[in-house]
């Protein structure tokens, strides 16, 4: 028996077991699990379209193959997030070779994602896109401040990379710098570039935390524009909030309404 992910304790799980609530799925073999992960990857790509995270051909999402751990599934090069579907996903190795699928791989996507997946075998999924507020905030070269409960989800759980700042990430050295920065955090802000998130749990979680990070960047930029210093959440409260609403499981749970909405409204995803 194979499971989508390992169940975790959460205060948000209902104590009544007879109520409808999202649950991890179980599969009898790798083929079934692989199909589900590809399905979820497509939904995550459609979510990036839904959130308007597109910017030309920039942006790449990956999920590690459940059986062949040195391979990962990703969206095809130069295909809009809105048009990603199961039939055009590609399977790529850590050397950037497409081993299944008809499309090419995004060079920057290979450089960044392959390095992270290779350096951190525990990482299941990763997301990156060139977003409006993330790119603007990244120019500051600083971490998020704990200005809200939302921002506290990233408190002491993200890093800032200054190496290769502003240089297009097509050299393998850039990928290694990103990989090193992903030790024990779920998000990275690459100065003069943008946002990256990862998950040891699911593509659902990585995708949601990317959208949340973009939103937190927007919030802080809005506060900065007022010229007033915000009231920061104290350390102990920030840690408490992160521990309760900043986990991989909570990211997965947050993503489920988005998943269900897209499945109900975009009928061509699983072609």
Protein backbone atom coordinates (compact mmCIF):
# COMPACT_ATOMS: atom_id res chain seq x y z
CA UNK A 1 0.00 0.00 0.00
CA UNK A 2 1.33 3.43 -1.00
CA UNK A 3 0.08 6.71 0.41
CA UNK A 4 0.03 10.21 -1.02
CA UNK A 5 1.87 11.48 2.07
CA UNK A 6 2.40 10.66 5.73
CA UNK A 7 -0.45 11.90 7.90
CA UNK A 8 0.41 14.58 10.46
CA UNK A 9 -1.22 15.82 13.63
CA UNK A 10 -2.98 19.18 13.32
CA UNK A 11 -5.32 21.18 15.52
CA UNK A 12 -7.41 21.68 12.38
CA UNK A 13 -8.31 18.01 12.08
CA UNK A 14 -11.86 17.43 13.37
CA UNK A 15 -12.26 15.32 16.49
CA UNK A 16 -15.46 13.86 15.04
CA UNK A 17 -14.43 11.13 12.62
CA UNK A 18 -17.75 10.95 10.75
CA UNK A 19 -17.46 14.41 9.15
CA UNK A 20 -16.31 15.24 5.63
CA UNK A 21 -12.69 16.37 5.72
CA UNK A 22 -9.79 16.10 3.23
CA UNK A 23 -7.75 12.92 3.68
CA UNK A 24 -4.60 11.45 2.17
CA UNK A 25 -5.29 8.97 -0.62
CA UNK A 26 -3.94 5.41 -0.71
CA UNK A 27 -2.78 3.45 -3.75
CA UNK A 28 -1.98 -0.18 -4.45
CA UNK A 29 1.08 0.42 -6.64
CA UNK A 30 3.55 2.99 -7.91
CA UNK A 31 1.69 3.46 -11.19
CA UNK A 32 -1.45 4.62 -9.40
CA UNK A 33 0.53 6.92 -7.11
CA UNK A 34 2.49 8.33 -10.05
CA UNK A 35 -0.73 9.14 -11.90
CA UNK A 36 -2.06 10.98 -8.85
CA UNK A 37 1.15 13.00 -8.46
CA UNK A 38 1.04 13.97 -12.15
CA UNK A 39 -2.60 14.91 -11.73
CA UNK A 40 -1.75 17.11 -8.75
CA UNK A 41 1.14 18.72 -10.65
CA UNK A 42 -1.25 19.71 -13.44
CA UNK A 43 -3.68 21.21 -10.93
CA UNK A 44 -0.82 23.17 -9.33
CA UNK A 45 0.16 24.56 -12.75
CA UNK A 46 -3.46 25.56 -13.40
CA UNK A 47 -3.49 27.23 -9.98
CA UNK A 48 -0.49 29.32 -11.05
CA UNK A 49 -2.53 30.44 -14.04
CA UNK A 50 -5.53 31.10 -11.80
CA UNK A 51 -3.34 33.31 -9.56
CA UNK A 52 -1.85 35.02 -12.64
CA UNK A 53 1.70 33.88 -11.88
CA UNK A 54 2.53 33.52 -15.57
CA UNK A 55 5.32 35.50 -17.26
CA UNK A 56 6.03 34.23 -20.76
CA UNK A 57 7.79 30.88 -20.53
CA UNK A 58 9.21 31.61 -17.05
CA UNK A 59 8.07 29.44 -14.16
CA UNK A 60 8.47 25.77 -13.38
CA UNK A 61 6.93 23.31 -10.95
CA UNK A 62 8.34 19.86 -10.20
CA UNK A 63 7.38 16.73 -8.31
CA UNK A 64 9.72 13.79 -7.72
CA UNK A 65 8.74 10.46 -9.24
CA UNK A 66 7.62 8.14 -6.42
CA UNK A 67 9.49 5.09 -7.78
CA UNK A 68 12.49 6.47 -9.65
CA UNK A 69 13.79 9.02 -7.17
CA UNK A 70 16.39 10.53 -9.52
CA UNK A 71 13.66 11.64 -11.93
CA UNK A 72 11.09 14.40 -11.61
CA UNK A 73 7.95 15.47 -13.48
CA UNK A 74 7.62 19.07 -14.60
CA UNK A 75 5.63 21.38 -16.85
CA UNK A 76 6.82 21.65 -20.48
CA UNK A 77 8.86 24.56 -21.80
CA UNK A 78 6.91 27.42 -23.44
CA UNK A 79 3.46 26.06 -22.59
CA UNK A 80 1.25 28.43 -20.61
CA UNK A 81 0.26 27.22 -17.14
CA UNK A 82 -3.35 27.33 -18.35
CA UNK A 83 -2.60 24.70 -20.99
CA UNK A 84 -0.56 22.25 -18.94
CA UNK A 85 -2.23 18.83 -18.85
CA UNK A 86 -1.23 15.26 -18.02
CA UNK A 87 -0.46 14.48 -21.66
CA UNK A 88 2.19 17.21 -22.03
CA UNK A 89 4.07 16.78 -18.74
CA UNK A 90 7.70 15.71 -19.10
CA UNK A 91 9.91 13.45 -17.00
CA UNK A 92 13.45 14.76 -16.53
CA UNK A 93 16.64 13.42 -14.92
CA UNK A 94 19.16 15.34 -12.83
CA UNK A 95 21.29 15.96 -15.91
CA UNK A 96 18.47 17.77 -17.69
CA UNK A 97 17.61 14.95 -20.09
CA UNK A 98 13.94 14.46 -20.97
CA UNK A 99 13.33 10.71 -20.53
CA UNK A 100 9.59 10.81 -21.17
CA UNK A 101 7.44 13.32 -23.05
CA UNK A 102 7.60 15.30 -26.27
CA UNK A 103 8.46 18.79 -25.01
CA UNK A 104 11.76 20.33 -24.02
CA UNK A 105 12.69 21.32 -20.47
CA UNK A 106 13.17 24.90 -19.32
CA UNK A 107 16.94 25.38 -18.89
CA UNK A 108 16.54 27.55 -15.80
CA UNK A 109 14.04 25.07 -14.42
CA UNK A 110 16.53 22.23 -14.85
CA UNK A 111 19.36 24.22 -13.24
CA UNK A 112 17.34 25.20 -10.18
CA UNK A 113 15.12 22.19 -9.61
CA UNK A 114 17.57 19.41 -10.48
CA UNK A 115 20.12 20.81 -8.04
CA UNK A 116 17.58 20.99 -5.22
CA UNK A 117 16.12 17.52 -5.90
CA UNK A 118 19.61 16.03 -6.13
CA UNK A 119 20.97 17.77 -3.02
CA UNK A 120 17.87 17.09 -0.92
CA UNK A 121 16.39 13.62 -1.56
CA UNK A 122 13.75 14.35 1.08
CA UNK A 123 12.26 17.17 -1.02
CA UNK A 124 9.24 15.99 -2.99
CA UNK A 125 8.20 19.14 -4.86
CA UNK A 126 9.37 22.64 -5.75
CA UNK A 127 7.85 25.76 -7.31
CA UNK A 128 9.22 28.91 -8.91
CA UNK A 129 7.68 31.68 -10.99
CA UNK A 130 8.40 35.30 -11.86
CA UNK A 131 5.66 37.06 -9.94
CA UNK A 132 4.95 40.75 -9.58
CA UNK A 133 5.23 41.26 -5.82
CA UNK A 134 7.77 38.51 -5.24
CA UNK A 135 10.18 40.01 -7.75
CA UNK A 136 9.65 43.50 -6.32
CA UNK A 137 10.21 42.35 -2.73
CA UNK A 138 13.24 40.27 -3.74
CA UNK A 139 15.00 43.45 -4.87
CA UNK A 140 15.22 44.45 -1.20
CA UNK A 141 17.40 41.47 -0.36
CA UNK A 142 15.68 40.95 2.98
CA UNK A 143 13.53 38.44 4.82
CA UNK A 144 9.84 38.95 5.48
CA UNK A 145 8.98 40.64 8.75
CA UNK A 146 6.35 38.99 10.99
CA UNK A 147 3.70 41.64 10.33
CA UNK A 148 0.71 39.26 10.25
CA UNK A 149 -0.38 35.72 11.04
CA UNK A 150 0.09 34.97 7.35
CA UNK A 151 3.70 36.17 7.43
CA UNK A 152 4.36 34.21 10.61
CA UNK A 153 3.97 31.00 8.59
CA UNK A 154 7.40 31.89 7.13
CA UNK A 155 8.95 33.12 10.39
CA UNK A 156 12.44 31.59 10.69
CA UNK A 157 11.39 29.29 7.85
CA UNK A 158 12.80 31.06 4.79
CA UNK A 159 16.18 32.24 3.55
CA UNK A 160 17.48 35.01 1.30
CA UNK A 161 20.07 34.27 -1.40
CA UNK A 162 22.28 37.12 -2.54
CA UNK A 163 24.64 35.06 -4.74
CA UNK A 164 24.06 35.39 -8.49
CA UNK A 165 21.53 38.16 -7.72
CA UNK A 166 19.92 39.33 -10.94
CA UNK A 167 21.85 36.90 -13.15
CA UNK A 168 19.65 34.56 -15.18
CA UNK A 169 19.82 31.16 -13.50
CA UNK A 170 21.18 29.10 -16.38
CA UNK A 171 24.55 28.13 -14.85
CA UNK A 172 24.72 25.06 -12.64
CA UNK A 173 26.52 27.08 -9.93
CA UNK A 174 23.33 29.09 -9.48
CA UNK A 175 21.42 25.88 -8.90
CA UNK A 176 23.84 24.73 -6.21
CA UNK A 177 23.51 28.06 -4.36
CA UNK A 178 19.75 27.63 -4.31
CA UNK A 179 20.07 24.01 -3.17
CA UNK A 180 22.29 24.96 -0.23
CA UNK A 181 19.82 27.62 0.88
CA UNK A 182 16.94 25.15 1.05
CA UNK A 183 18.32 23.38 4.11
CA UNK A 184 15.53 23.15 6.73
CA UNK A 185 13.34 25.90 5.24
CA UNK A 186 10.32 25.80 2.94
CA UNK A 187 10.98 29.02 1.01
CA UNK A 188 13.77 31.08 -0.49
CA UNK A 189 13.82 34.68 -1.70
CA UNK A 190 16.46 35.09 -4.42
CA UNK A 191 17.57 38.72 -4.52
CA UNK A 192 16.67 40.52 -7.76
CA UNK A 193 15.03 37.34 -9.04
CA UNK A 194 12.04 36.07 -7.13
CA UNK A 195 10.51 33.37 -4.96
CA UNK A 196 11.02 29.62 -4.63
CA UNK A 197 9.23 27.14 -2.39
CA UNK A 198 9.70 23.46 -1.68
CA UNK A 199 7.91 20.70 0.17
CA UNK A 200 8.91 17.40 1.74
CA UNK A 201 5.22 16.53 1.64
CA UNK A 202 3.44 17.31 -1.65
CA UNK A 203 3.20 19.53 -4.72
CA UNK A 204 -0.03 20.82 -3.16
CA UNK A 205 1.90 22.22 -0.22
CA UNK A 206 4.72 23.71 -2.30
CA UNK A 207 2.19 25.41 -4.60
CA UNK A 208 0.11 26.85 -1.78
CA UNK A 209 3.13 28.17 0.12
CA UNK A 210 4.33 29.83 -3.07
CA UNK A 211 1.01 31.67 -3.39
CA UNK A 212 1.12 32.56 0.30
CA UNK A 213 4.67 33.89 0.03
CA UNK A 214 3.69 36.08 -2.92
CA UNK A 215 0.75 37.41 -0.89
CA UNK A 216 2.98 38.15 2.12
CA UNK A 217 5.40 40.06 -0.10
CA UNK A 218 2.48 42.13 -1.36
CA UNK A 219 1.29 42.80 2.20
CA UNK A 220 4.71 43.99 3.35
CA UNK A 221 5.22 46.20 0.30
CA UNK A 222 1.81 47.78 0.96
CA UNK A 223 2.75 48.48 4.58
CA UNK A 224 6.13 49.90 3.53
CA UNK A 225 4.38 52.26 1.11
CA UNK A 226 2.62 53.96 4.04
CA UNK A 227 5.95 55.12 5.48
CA UNK A 228 4.89 53.87 8.90
CA UNK A 229 6.63 51.15 10.89
CA UNK A 230 4.32 48.15 11.45
CA UNK A 231 3.74 46.46 14.79
CA UNK A 232 5.62 43.18 14.54
CA UNK A 233 4.34 39.93 16.02
CA UNK A 234 6.58 39.08 19.02
CA UNK A 235 8.95 36.12 18.68
CA UNK A 236 7.03 33.64 20.85
CA UNK A 237 3.72 34.37 19.14
CA UNK A 238 5.32 34.23 15.70
CA UNK A 239 6.80 30.80 16.48
CA UNK A 240 3.45 29.60 17.86
CA UNK A 241 1.66 30.69 14.69
CA UNK A 242 4.28 29.11 12.44
CA UNK A 243 4.04 25.81 14.30
CA UNK A 244 0.26 25.74 13.95
CA UNK A 245 -0.33 27.23 10.49
CA UNK A 246 3.01 26.95 8.70
CA UNK A 247 3.51 23.21 8.23
CA UNK A 248 3.60 21.18 5.04
CA UNK A 249 0.33 19.56 6.05
CA UNK A 250 -1.39 22.93 6.49
CA UNK A 251 -0.10 23.99 3.07
CA UNK A 252 -1.64 20.83 1.59
CA UNK A 253 -4.91 21.46 3.42
CA UNK A 254 -5.07 25.08 2.23
CA UNK A 255 -4.61 23.88 -1.35
CA UNK A 256 -7.57 21.48 -1.34
CA UNK A 257 -10.30 24.12 -1.95
CA UNK A 258 -8.21 25.47 -4.83
CA UNK A 259 -7.79 21.93 -6.18
CA UNK A 260 -11.51 21.20 -5.96
CA UNK A 261 -12.47 24.49 -7.62
CA UNK A 262 -10.12 23.91 -10.56
CA UNK A 263 -11.19 20.28 -11.01
CA UNK A 264 -14.81 21.46 -11.16
CA UNK A 265 -14.19 24.27 -13.64
CA UNK A 266 -11.31 23.18 -15.92
CA UNK A 267 -12.38 19.96 -17.63
CA UNK A 268 -9.37 19.48 -19.93
CA UNK A 269 -6.67 19.15 -17.27
CA UNK A 270 -6.43 15.37 -17.28
CA UNK A 271 -6.40 14.78 -21.04
